[in-house]
PDB file of N, CA and C in Angstrom:
ATOM      1  N   MET A   1      16.267   8.768  -4.239  1.00  0.00           N
ATOM      2  CA  MET A   1      15.621   7.643  -3.695  1.00  0.00           C
ATOM      3  C   MET A   1      13.944   7.844  -3.665  1.00  0.00           C
ATOM      4  N   ILE A   2      13.829   9.391  -3.317  1.00  0.00           N
ATOM      5  CA  ILE A   2      12.691   9.810  -3.480  1.00  0.00           C
ATOM      6  C   ILE A   2      12.200  10.975  -4.867  1.00  0.00           C
ATOM      7  N   ALA A   3      12.923  11.614  -5.612  1.00  0.00           N
ATOM      8  CA  ALA A   3      13.189  11.441  -6.636  1.00  0.00           C
ATOM      9  C   ALA A   3      11.563  11.082  -7.851  1.00  0.00           C
ATOM     10  N   PRO A   4      11.078   9.722  -7.383  1.00  0.00           N
ATOM     11  CA  PRO A   4      10.349   9.112  -8.450  1.00  0.00           C
ATOM     12  C   PRO A   4       9.103   9.755  -7.962  1.00  0.00           C
ATOM     13  N   ILE A   5       8.519  10.441  -6.506  1.00  0.00           N
ATOM     14  CA  ILE A   5       7.604  10.921  -6.302  1.00  0.00           C
ATOM     15  C   ILE A   5       7.232  11.921  -6.960  1.00  0.00           C
ATOM     16  N   ARG A   6       8.031  12.781  -7.766  1.00  0.00           N
ATOM     17  CA  ARG A   6       7.589  13.647  -8.246  1.00  0.00           C
ATOM     18  C   ARG A   6       6.601  13.128  -9.553  1.00  0.00           C
ATOM     19  N   GLU A   7       7.132  12.118  -9.978  1.00  0.00           N
ATOM     20  CA  GLU A   7       6.305  11.704 -11.271  1.00  0.00           C
ATOM     21  C   GLU A   7       4.847  11.196 -11.232  1.00  0.00           C
ATOM     22  N   MET A   8       4.341  11.029 -10.063  1.00  0.00           N
ATOM     23  CA  MET A   8       3.380  10.002  -9.521  1.00  0.00           C
ATOM     24  C   MET A   8       1.853  11.241  -9.794  1.00  0.00           C
ATOM     25  N   ASP A   9       0.676  10.432  -9.279  1.00  0.00           N
ATOM     26  CA  ASP A   9      -0.341  11.475  -9.663  1.00  0.00           C
ATOM     27  C   ASP A   9      -0.811  11.326  -8.179  1.00  0.00           C
ATOM     28  N   PHE A  10      -0.923  12.695  -7.677  1.00  0.00           N
ATOM     29  CA  PHE A  10      -1.620  12.861  -6.153  1.00  0.00           C
ATOM     30  C   PHE A  10      -2.587  13.109  -6.420  1.00  0.00           C
ATOM     31  N   SER A  11      -3.209  13.649  -7.845  1.00  0.00           N
ATOM     32  CA  SER A  11      -4.744  14.009  -7.708  1.00  0.00           C
ATOM     33  C   SER A  11      -5.900  13.080  -7.251  1.00  0.00           C
ATOM     34  N   ASP A  12      -5.169  11.218  -7.625  1.00  0.00           N
ATOM     35  CA  ASP A  12      -5.714  10.360  -7.016  1.00  0.00           C
ATOM     36  C   ASP A  12      -5.347   9.927  -6.085  1.00  0.00           C
ATOM     37  N   MET A  13      -6.557   9.506  -5.106  1.00  0.00           N
ATOM     38  CA  MET A  13      -6.400   8.942  -3.917  1.00  0.00           C
ATOM     39  C   MET A  13      -5.983   7.765  -3.460  1.00  0.00           C
ATOM     40  N   GLY A  14      -6.881   7.200  -4.338  1.00  0.00           N
ATOM     41  CA  GLY A  14      -6.605   5.613  -4.651  1.00  0.00           C
ATOM     42  C   GLY A  14      -4.871   5.323  -4.705  1.00  0.00           C
ATOM     43  N   ILE A  15      -3.863   6.544  -5.317  1.00  0.00           N
ATOM     44  CA  ILE A  15      -2.630   6.067  -5.198  1.00  0.00           C
ATOM     45  C   ILE A  15      -2.024   7.351  -4.431  1.00  0.00           C
ATOM     46  N   ALA A  16      -2.704   8.344  -3.911  1.00  0.00           N
ATOM     47  CA  ALA A  16      -1.691   9.359  -3.155  1.00  0.00           C
ATOM     48  C   ALA A  16      -1.627   8.544  -1.662  1.00  0.00           C
ATOM     49  N   ILE A  17      -2.850   8.392  -0.887  1.00  0.00           N
ATOM     50  CA  ILE A  17      -2.700   7.988   0.561  1.00  0.00           C
ATOM     51  C   ILE A  17      -1.882   6.283   1.064  1.00  0.00           C
ATOM     52  N   PRO A  18      -1.814   5.823   0.130  1.00  0.00           N
ATOM     53  CA  PRO A  18      -0.830   4.378  -0.134  1.00  0.00           C
ATOM     54  C   PRO A  18       0.540   4.763  -0.027  1.00  0.00           C
ATOM     55  N   ALA A  19       0.680   5.649  -1.101  1.00  0.00           N
ATOM     56  CA  ALA A  19       1.764   6.099  -1.099  1.00  0.00           C
ATOM     57  C   ALA A  19       2.863   6.926  -0.337  1.00  0.00           C
ATOM     58  N   TYR A  20       2.291   7.891   0.573  1.00  0.00           N
ATOM     59  CA  TYR A  20       1.944   8.800   1.779  1.00  0.00           C
ATOM     60  C   TYR A  20       2.627   7.733   2.772  1.00  0.00           C
ATOM     61  N   LEU A  21       1.451   6.949   3.203  1.00  0.00           N
ATOM     62  CA  LEU A  21       1.497   5.975   4.161  1.00  0.00           C
ATOM     63  C   LEU A  21       3.032   5.281   4.055  1.00  0.00           C
ATOM     64  N   THR A  22       3.162   4.979   2.500  1.00  0.00           N
ATOM     65  CA  THR A  22       4.373   3.765   2.742  1.00  0.00           C
ATOM     66  C   THR A  22       5.959   4.821   2.996  1.00  0.00           C
ATOM     67  N   ILE A  23       6.132   6.049   2.564  1.00  0.00           N
ATOM     68  CA  ILE A  23       7.151   6.681   2.669  1.00  0.00           C
ATOM     69  C   ILE A  23       6.456   7.658   4.323  1.00  0.00           C
ATOM     70  N   ILE A  24       5.835   7.607   4.730  1.00  0.00           N
ATOM     71  CA  ILE A  24       5.462   7.422   6.363  1.00  0.00           C
ATOM     72  C   ILE A  24       5.790   6.272   7.240  1.00  0.00           C
ATOM     73  N   VAL A  25       5.740   5.292   6.628  1.00  0.00           N
ATOM     74  CA  VAL A  25       5.503   4.121   7.785  1.00  0.00           C
ATOM     75  C   VAL A  25       7.037   3.508   7.695  1.00  0.00           C
ATOM     76  N   MET A  26       8.026   3.508   6.998  1.00  0.00           N
ATOM     77  CA  MET A  26       9.092   2.820   6.688  1.00  0.00           C
ATOM     78  C   MET A  26      10.362   3.469   7.924  1.00  0.00           C
ATOM     79  N   PRO A  27      10.388   5.097   7.654  1.00  0.00           N
ATOM     80  CA  PRO A  27      11.246   5.257   9.032  1.00  0.00           C
ATOM     81  C   PRO A  27      10.893   5.335  10.002  1.00  0.00           C
ATOM     82  N   PHE A  28       9.434   5.321  10.383  1.00  0.00           N
ATOM     83  CA  PHE A  28       9.018   4.732  11.873  1.00  0.00           C
ATOM     84  C   PHE A  28       8.709   3.446  12.374  1.00  0.00           C
ATOM     85  N   ALA A  29       8.850   2.559  10.985  1.00  0.00           N
ATOM     86  CA  ALA A  29       8.711   1.197  11.952  1.00  0.00           C
ATOM     87  C   ALA A  29       9.747   0.368  11.232  1.00  0.00           C
ATOM     88  N   TYR A  30      11.206   1.555  11.197  1.00  0.00           N
ATOM     89  CA  TYR A  30      12.749   0.803  10.969  1.00  0.00           C
ATOM     90  C   TYR A  30      12.330  -0.314  10.072  1.00  0.00           C
ATOM     91  N   SER A  31      11.407  -0.278   9.175  1.00  0.00           N
ATOM     92  CA  SER A  31      11.441  -1.458   8.031  1.00  0.00           C
ATOM     93  C   SER A  31      11.135  -1.275   6.840  1.00  0.00           C
ATOM     94  N   ILE A  32      11.290  -1.253   6.005  1.00  0.00           N
ATOM     95  CA  ILE A  32      11.022  -1.772   4.922  1.00  0.00           C
ATOM     96  C   ILE A  32      10.134  -1.986   3.921  1.00  0.00           C
ATOM     97  N   THR A  33      10.243  -3.552   4.394  1.00  0.00           N
ATOM     98  CA  THR A  33       9.349  -4.514   4.572  1.00  0.00           C
ATOM     99  C   THR A  33       8.101  -4.218   5.304  1.00  0.00           C
ATOM    100  N   ASP A  34       7.784  -3.274   6.238  1.00  0.00           N
ATOM    101  CA  ASP A  34       6.263  -3.146   6.837  1.00  0.00           C
ATOM    102  C   ASP A  34       5.850  -2.174   6.184  1.00  0.00           C
ATOM    103  N   GLY A  35       6.959  -0.543   5.751  1.00  0.00           N
ATOM    104  CA  GLY A  35       6.356   0.174   4.777  1.00  0.00           C
ATOM    105  C   GLY A  35       5.524  -0.006   3.390  1.00  0.00           C
ATOM    106  N   ILE A  36       6.104  -1.135   3.324  1.00  0.00           N
ATOM    107  CA  ILE A  36       5.804  -1.712   1.703  1.00  0.00           C
ATOM    108  C   ILE A  36       4.390  -2.119   1.878  1.00  0.00           C
ATOM    109  N   SER A  37       4.413  -3.446   2.914  1.00  0.00           N
ATOM    110  CA  SER A  37       3.161  -4.136   3.623  1.00  0.00           C
ATOM    111  C   SER A  37       2.098  -3.033   3.607  1.00  0.00           C
ATOM    112  N   VAL A  38       2.311  -2.123   4.194  1.00  0.00           N
ATOM    113  CA  VAL A  38       1.149  -1.165   4.861  1.00  0.00           C
ATOM    114  C   VAL A  38       0.602  -0.330   3.331  1.00  0.00           C
ATOM    115  N   GLY A  39       1.908  -0.413   2.414  1.00  0.00           N
ATOM    116  CA  GLY A  39       1.245   0.298   1.424  1.00  0.00           C
ATOM    117  C   GLY A  39       0.594  -0.421   0.163  1.00  0.00           C
ATOM    118  N   ILE A  40       0.610  -1.890   0.003  1.00  0.00           N
ATOM    119  CA  ILE A  40       0.241  -2.547  -0.184  1.00  0.00           C
ATOM    120  C   ILE A  40      -1.356  -2.909  -0.228  1.00  0.00           C
ATOM    121  N   ILE A  41      -1.179  -3.430   1.209  1.00  0.00           N
ATOM    122  CA  ILE A  41      -2.108  -3.277   2.108  1.00  0.00           C
ATOM    123  C   ILE A  41      -3.904  -1.937   1.621  1.00  0.00           C
ATOM    124  N   SER A  42      -2.695  -0.515   1.635  1.00  0.00           N
ATOM    125  CA  SER A  42      -3.746   0.536   1.635  1.00  0.00           C
ATOM    126  C   SER A  42      -4.323   0.460   0.712  1.00  0.00           C
ATOM    127  N   TRP A  43      -3.226   0.359  -0.626  1.00  0.00           N
ATOM    128  CA  TRP A  43      -3.681   0.537  -1.702  1.00  0.00           C
ATOM    129  C   TRP A  43      -4.751  -0.236  -2.184  1.00  0.00           C
ATOM    130  N   THR A  44      -4.441  -1.562  -1.829  1.00  0.00           N
ATOM    131  CA  THR A  44      -6.057  -2.768  -2.258  1.00  0.00           C
ATOM    132  C   THR A  44      -6.784  -2.040  -1.703  1.00  0.00           C
ATOM    133  N   MET A  45      -7.190  -2.109  -0.073  1.00  0.00           N
ATOM    134  CA  MET A  45      -8.469  -1.939   0.771  1.00  0.00           C
ATOM    135  C   MET A  45      -8.914  -0.169   0.514  1.00  0.00           C
ATOM    136  N   LEU A  46      -8.270   0.736  -0.314  1.00  0.00           N
ATOM    137  CA  LEU A  46      -8.901   2.416  -1.042  1.00  0.00           C
ATOM    138  C   LEU A  46      -9.300   1.927  -2.323  1.00  0.00           C
ATOM    139  N   ASN A  47      -8.889   0.856  -3.187  1.00  0.00           N
ATOM    140  CA  ASN A  47      -9.134   0.945  -4.535  1.00  0.00           C
ATOM    141  C   ASN A  47     -10.683   0.035  -4.412  1.00  0.00           C
ATOM    142  N   LEU A  48     -10.700  -0.669  -3.584  1.00  0.00           N
ATOM    143  CA  LEU A  48     -12.124  -1.441  -3.267  1.00  0.00           C
ATOM    144  C   LEU A  48     -12.956  -0.583  -3.198  1.00  0.00           C
ATOM    145  N   ILE A  49     -12.444   0.201  -1.927  1.00  0.00           N
ATOM    146  CA  ILE A  49     -13.430   1.282  -1.403  1.00  0.00           C
ATOM    147  C   ILE A  49     -13.986   2.330  -2.300  1.00  0.00           C
ATOM    148  N   LEU A  50     -13.034   2.711  -3.319  1.00  0.00           N
ATOM    149  CA  LEU A  50     -13.308   3.455  -4.043  1.00  0.00           C
ATOM    150  C   LEU A  50     -14.163   3.000  -5.268  1.00  0.00           C
ATOM    151  N   ARG A  51     -14.187   1.875  -5.356  1.00  0.00           N
ATOM    152  CA  ARG A  51     -15.055   1.610  -6.095  1.00  0.00           C
ATOM    153  C   ARG A  51     -14.288   1.079  -7.693  1.00  0.00           C
ATOM    154  N   LYS A  52     -12.478   1.040  -7.587  1.00  0.00           N
ATOM    155  CA  LYS A  52     -11.808   1.232  -8.583  1.00  0.00           C
ATOM    156  C   LYS A  52     -11.175  -0.283  -8.816  1.00  0.00           C
ATOM    157  N   LYS A  53     -12.044  -1.715  -8.748  1.00  0.00           N
ATOM    158  CA  LYS A  53     -11.875  -3.259  -8.865  1.00  0.00           C
ATOM    159  C   LYS A  53     -10.845  -3.535  -9.679  1.00  0.00           C
ATOM    160  N   GLU A  54     -11.146  -2.812 -11.091  1.00  0.00           N
ATOM    161  CA  GLU A  54     -10.562  -3.199 -12.250  1.00  0.00           C
ATOM    162  C   GLU A  54      -8.836  -3.161 -12.125  1.00  0.00           C
ATOM    163  N   ARG A  55      -8.641  -1.959 -11.211  1.00  0.00           N
ATOM    164  CA  ARG A  55      -6.574  -1.627 -11.029  1.00  0.00           C
ATOM    165  C   ARG A  55      -6.286  -2.806 -10.281  1.00  0.00           C
ATOM    166  N   ILE A  56      -7.384  -3.356  -9.899  1.00  0.00           N
ATOM    167  CA  ILE A  56      -6.827  -4.193  -8.289  1.00  0.00           C
ATOM    168  C   ILE A  56      -6.535  -6.002  -9.380  1.00  0.00           C
ATOM    169  N   SER A  57      -4.761  -6.744  -9.183  1.00  0.00           N
ATOM    170  CA  SER A  57      -5.211  -7.740  -9.804  1.00  0.00           C
ATOM    171  C   SER A  57      -5.003  -8.731  -8.972  1.00  0.00           C
ATOM    172  N   PRO A  58      -5.350 -10.133  -9.340  1.00  0.00           N
ATOM    173  CA  PRO A  58      -4.973 -11.091  -8.596  1.00  0.00           C
ATOM    174  C   PRO A  58      -3.690 -11.234  -7.353  1.00  0.00           C
ATOM    175  N   LEU A  59      -2.504 -10.959  -8.074  1.00  0.00           N
ATOM    176  CA  LEU A  59      -1.802 -11.046  -7.754  1.00  0.00           C
ATOM    177  C   LEU A  59      -1.390 -10.132  -6.199  1.00  0.00           C
ATOM    178  N   MET A  60      -2.107  -8.569  -6.398  1.00  0.00           N
ATOM    179  CA  MET A  60      -2.617  -7.598  -5.269  1.00  0.00           C
ATOM    180  C   MET A  60      -3.430  -8.775  -4.511  1.00  0.00           C
ATOM    181  N   ILE A  61      -4.299  -8.847  -4.650  1.00  0.00           N
ATOM    182  CA  ILE A  61      -4.711  -9.617  -4.083  1.00  0.00           C
ATOM    183  C   ILE A  61      -4.106 -10.743  -2.857  1.00  0.00           C
ATOM    184  N   ILE A  62      -3.614 -11.446  -3.339  1.00  0.00           N
ATOM    185  CA  ILE A  62      -3.006 -12.506  -2.835  1.00  0.00           C
ATOM    186  C   ILE A  62      -1.983 -12.152  -1.793  1.00  0.00           C
ATOM    187  N   LEU A  63      -1.300 -11.022  -1.965  1.00  0.00           N
ATOM    188  CA  LEU A  63      -0.085 -10.417  -1.715  1.00  0.00           C
ATOM    189  C   LEU A  63      -0.840  -9.737   0.265  1.00  0.00           C
ATOM    190  N   THR A  64      -2.070  -8.589  -0.522  1.00  0.00           N
ATOM    191  CA  THR A  64      -2.667  -8.006   0.492  1.00  0.00           C
ATOM    192  C   THR A  64      -3.089  -9.082   1.739  1.00  0.00           C
ATOM    193  N   LEU A  65      -4.077 -10.431   1.273  1.00  0.00           N
ATOM    194  CA  LEU A  65      -4.223 -11.384   2.214  1.00  0.00           C
ATOM    195  C   LEU A  65      -3.343 -12.056   2.793  1.00  0.00           C
ATOM    196  N   ILE A  66      -1.636 -12.179   2.612  1.00  0.00           N
ATOM    197  CA  ILE A  66      -0.602 -12.402   2.873  1.00  0.00           C
ATOM    198  C   ILE A  66      -0.163 -11.555   3.993  1.00  0.00           C
ATOM    199  N   PHE A  67      -0.313 -10.224   3.340  1.00  0.00           N
ATOM    200  CA  PHE A  67       0.255  -9.664   4.463  1.00  0.00           C
ATOM    201  C   PHE A  67      -0.415  -9.360   5.284  1.00  0.00           C
ATOM    202  N   LEU A  68      -1.651  -9.292   5.659  1.00  0.00           N
ATOM    203  CA  LEU A  68      -3.047  -9.302   6.709  1.00  0.00           C
ATOM    204  C   LEU A  68      -2.897 -10.631   7.528  1.00  0.00           C
ATOM    205  N   ALA A  69      -2.652 -11.488   7.013  1.00  0.00           N
ATOM    206  CA  ALA A  69      -2.714 -12.680   7.350  1.00  0.00           C
ATOM    207  C   ALA A  69      -0.925 -12.559   8.756  1.00  0.00           C
ATOM    208  N   ASN A  70      -0.243 -12.378   8.153  1.00  0.00           N
ATOM    209  CA  ASN A  70       1.333 -12.062   9.069  1.00  0.00           C
ATOM    210  C   ASN A  70       1.080 -11.014  10.457  1.00  0.00           C
ATOM    211  N   TYR A  71      -0.142  -9.746   9.496  1.00  0.00           N
ATOM    212  CA  TYR A  71       0.167  -8.930  10.661  1.00  0.00           C
ATOM    213  C   TYR A  71      -0.996  -9.541  11.814  1.00  0.00           C
ATOM    214  N   LEU A  72      -2.163 -10.054  11.186  1.00  0.00           N
ATOM    215  CA  LEU A  72      -3.065 -10.191  12.391  1.00  0.00           C
ATOM    216  C   LEU A  72      -2.814 -11.494  13.619  1.00  0.00           C
ATOM    217  N   LEU A  73      -1.869 -12.785  12.592  1.00  0.00           N
ATOM    218  CA  LEU A  73      -1.882 -14.158  12.886  1.00  0.00           C
ATOM    219  C   LEU A  73      -0.291 -13.960  13.493  1.00  0.00           C
ATOM    220  N   LEU A  74       0.557 -13.636  13.087  1.00  0.00           N
ATOM    221  CA  LEU A  74       2.303 -14.018  13.596  1.00  0.00           C
ATOM    222  C   LEU A  74       2.701 -12.627  14.580  1.00  0.00           C
ATOM    223  N   LYS A  75       1.585 -11.886  14.526  1.00  0.00           N
ATOM    224  CA  LYS A  75       2.214 -10.526  15.355  1.00  0.00           C
ATOM    225  C   LYS A  75       1.311 -10.511  16.293  1.00  0.00           C
TER     226      LYS A  75
END
């Protein structure tokens, strides 16, 4: 399950930080869903901050908004 991590480009912070957060949040939150949602939210936010808007698809924006609404409004 960890083997594909070797193939990731960790020189790009827009990829590295969300990947690390996803890997760290899953065991601490006892939830794969929370890990994936934190990864998606952080990936979208970091790519906006790094001004790499061409990477962000409309689907990622929709998922980010749904996950943020879930954390901010429902929990």
